């Protein structure tokens, strides 16, 4: 069976309406450069050539982040959860394979088989997200639970949808 070979995948694609471009920038800035929040461990990636410090969440819904690609600022790192949370990044290191974009676009992968891409819409005042979870043990119930947990974490931990009235 294909499930036995590839695992069970489940997905959720949705969006948050955000007609205020300043608020949209603030949401992505908090994800990218965020400060300490209760229960959210963050990276401390100091880019020596730009002077900025990237503070991405190291978990989403409690699941360890294993990969980050931010096409807005030109950053990509694999095995995030196996690296030190605090690193100096020199010029030419951690560059994405894809071209840098002028709009916001960040992708996270998690050790539970999750993949989340968040981006701004090019035509509408929306923050779109694409979320999928792969369960390699073909456990549909666990995959659905993990998807639900991560979907709630997008709203609560990353976007702060309730506080921002989105």
Protein backbone atom coordinates (compact mmCIF):
# COMPACT_ATOMS: atom_id res chain seq x y z
CA UNK A 1 0.00 0.00 0.00
CA UNK A 2 1.12 3.57 -0.63
CA UNK A 3 0.51 4.51 3.02
CA UNK A 4 2.90 1.81 4.17
CA UNK A 5 5.54 3.09 1.75
CA UNK A 6 5.15 6.86 2.15
CA UNK A 7 3.18 7.35 5.37
CA UNK A 8 -0.13 9.09 5.88
CA UNK A 9 -0.39 12.77 4.94
CA UNK A 10 -3.01 15.24 6.06
CA UNK A 11 -3.18 18.96 5.33
CA UNK A 12 -4.90 22.19 6.25
CA UNK A 13 -4.65 25.33 4.17
CA UNK A 14 -6.21 28.52 5.41
CA UNK A 15 -5.71 32.25 5.90
CA UNK A 16 -6.18 35.19 8.23
CA UNK A 17 -7.67 38.42 6.90
CA UNK A 18 -5.35 41.29 7.70
CA UNK A 19 -6.22 44.50 5.82
CA UNK A 20 -3.59 46.51 7.72
CA UNK A 21 -0.16 46.16 6.01
CA UNK A 22 1.60 47.48 9.14
CA UNK A 23 0.00 44.76 11.26
CA UNK A 24 0.99 42.15 8.64
CA UNK A 25 4.61 43.33 8.82
CA UNK A 26 4.45 43.22 12.63
CA UNK A 27 3.23 39.60 12.58
CA UNK A 28 6.09 38.46 10.36
CA UNK A 29 8.58 40.59 12.29
CA UNK A 30 7.49 38.90 15.54
CA UNK A 31 7.94 35.46 13.94
CA UNK A 32 11.33 36.41 12.52
CA UNK A 33 12.80 38.68 15.22
CA UNK A 34 10.50 37.91 18.17
CA UNK A 35 11.24 38.58 21.79
CA UNK A 36 10.83 36.20 24.70
CA UNK A 37 7.30 34.87 25.19
CA UNK A 38 6.18 32.40 27.85
CA UNK A 39 6.51 28.84 26.59
CA UNK A 40 8.17 29.83 23.27
CA UNK A 41 11.86 29.02 22.97
CA UNK A 42 13.55 31.07 20.26
CA UNK A 43 16.76 30.95 18.26
CA UNK A 44 19.44 33.57 18.53
CA UNK A 45 21.03 33.56 15.07
CA UNK A 46 23.30 36.59 14.80
CA UNK A 47 24.04 37.44 11.18
CA UNK A 48 27.41 39.15 11.44
CA UNK A 49 27.28 40.61 7.92
CA UNK A 50 23.86 42.31 8.38
CA UNK A 51 23.87 42.96 12.11
CA UNK A 52 20.40 41.51 12.62
CA UNK A 53 19.45 38.71 15.01
CA UNK A 54 16.94 36.11 13.84
CA UNK A 55 14.80 34.77 16.68
CA UNK A 56 12.61 32.12 15.12
CA UNK A 57 10.47 29.85 17.30
CA UNK A 58 12.23 26.53 17.96
CA UNK A 59 8.94 24.67 18.48
CA UNK A 60 5.50 24.91 16.92
CA UNK A 61 2.72 23.38 18.96
CA UNK A 62 5.38 21.73 21.10
CA UNK A 63 7.00 19.99 18.11
CA UNK A 64 10.72 20.72 17.57
CA UNK A 65 11.48 22.81 14.48
CA UNK A 66 13.94 20.96 12.24
CA UNK A 67 14.10 23.31 9.25
CA UNK A 68 13.62 27.03 8.57
CA UNK A 69 13.58 28.82 5.22
CA UNK A 70 12.84 32.55 5.17
CA UNK A 71 12.82 33.87 1.62
CA UNK A 72 12.22 37.43 2.78
CA UNK A 73 15.55 37.85 4.55
CA UNK A 74 17.47 35.10 2.72
CA UNK A 75 17.94 32.47 5.44
CA UNK A 76 17.79 28.66 5.37
CA UNK A 77 18.90 26.12 7.96
CA UNK A 78 18.46 22.36 8.19
CA UNK A 79 18.58 20.29 11.40
CA UNK A 80 17.69 23.36 13.45
CA UNK A 81 16.93 21.21 16.49
CA UNK A 82 20.39 19.63 16.31
CA UNK A 83 22.20 23.00 16.24
CA UNK A 84 22.95 25.32 19.10
CA UNK A 85 20.06 27.75 19.64
CA UNK A 86 22.54 30.63 19.63
CA UNK A 87 24.88 30.93 16.62
CA UNK A 88 26.89 33.47 14.69
CA UNK A 89 26.09 33.26 10.97
CA UNK A 90 28.76 34.62 8.64
CA UNK A 91 28.17 36.09 5.19
CA UNK A 92 27.50 33.32 2.67
CA UNK A 93 26.23 30.88 5.31
CA UNK A 94 22.64 29.64 5.63
CA UNK A 95 21.55 31.04 2.29
CA UNK A 96 18.39 29.65 0.68
CA UNK A 97 18.48 27.75 -2.59
CA UNK A 98 15.43 29.68 -3.80
CA UNK A 99 15.53 33.37 -4.72
CA UNK A 100 14.80 35.95 -2.04
CA UNK A 101 11.31 37.48 -2.25
CA UNK A 102 10.09 41.02 -1.57
CA UNK A 103 6.96 39.63 0.11
CA UNK A 104 6.88 37.70 3.37
CA UNK A 105 7.39 33.93 3.09
CA UNK A 106 8.63 31.58 5.83
CA UNK A 107 8.66 27.77 5.87
CA UNK A 108 9.13 25.64 8.97
CA UNK A 109 9.43 21.87 9.20
CA UNK A 110 9.02 19.98 12.45
CA UNK A 111 10.30 16.59 13.65
CA UNK A 112 6.77 15.15 13.79
CA UNK A 113 6.58 15.36 9.98
CA UNK A 114 4.98 18.80 9.86
CA UNK A 115 5.60 21.43 7.22
CA UNK A 116 4.22 24.95 7.49
CA UNK A 117 4.56 27.70 4.92
CA UNK A 118 3.27 31.16 5.78
CA UNK A 119 3.11 33.96 3.24
CA UNK A 120 1.33 37.14 2.34
CA UNK A 121 -1.11 37.09 -0.54
CA UNK A 122 -0.07 39.03 -3.59
CA UNK A 123 -3.61 40.13 -4.42
CA UNK A 124 -5.63 40.14 -1.20
CA UNK A 125 -5.10 41.36 2.38
CA UNK A 126 -4.48 37.83 3.64
CA UNK A 127 -1.83 35.96 5.56
CA UNK A 128 -2.03 32.51 4.00
CA UNK A 129 -0.71 29.30 5.48
CA UNK A 130 -0.22 25.83 4.12
CA UNK A 131 0.19 23.10 6.70
CA UNK A 132 0.75 19.38 6.26
CA UNK A 133 1.70 16.55 8.56
CA UNK A 134 3.15 13.21 7.52
CA UNK A 135 2.86 10.28 9.90
CA UNK A 136 5.40 7.66 8.85
CA UNK A 137 3.71 4.94 10.95
CA UNK A 138 0.48 5.28 8.94
CA UNK A 139 -1.38 6.41 12.04
CA UNK A 140 -4.21 8.57 10.68
CA UNK A 141 -5.49 9.53 14.11
CA UNK A 142 -2.07 10.76 15.26
CA UNK A 143 -1.55 12.66 12.00
CA UNK A 144 -4.92 14.40 12.43
CA UNK A 145 -4.15 15.23 16.07
CA UNK A 146 -0.74 16.66 15.16
CA UNK A 147 -2.29 18.70 12.32
CA UNK A 148 -4.89 20.12 14.68
CA UNK A 149 -2.25 20.97 17.30
CA UNK A 150 -0.06 22.70 14.74
CA UNK A 151 -3.00 24.56 13.18
CA UNK A 152 -3.97 25.92 16.60
CA UNK A 153 -0.32 26.87 17.21
CA UNK A 154 -0.21 28.87 13.96
CA UNK A 155 -3.10 30.99 15.22
CA UNK A 156 -2.03 31.26 18.87
CA UNK A 157 1.79 31.11 18.89
CA UNK A 158 2.79 32.60 15.55
CA UNK A 159 0.03 34.90 14.32
CA UNK A 160 -1.53 35.83 17.68
CA UNK A 161 -4.84 35.85 15.83
CA UNK A 162 -7.07 36.34 18.86
CA UNK A 163 -5.07 39.26 20.25
CA UNK A 164 -4.78 40.82 16.79
CA UNK A 165 -8.49 40.27 16.06
CA UNK A 166 -7.73 38.36 12.87
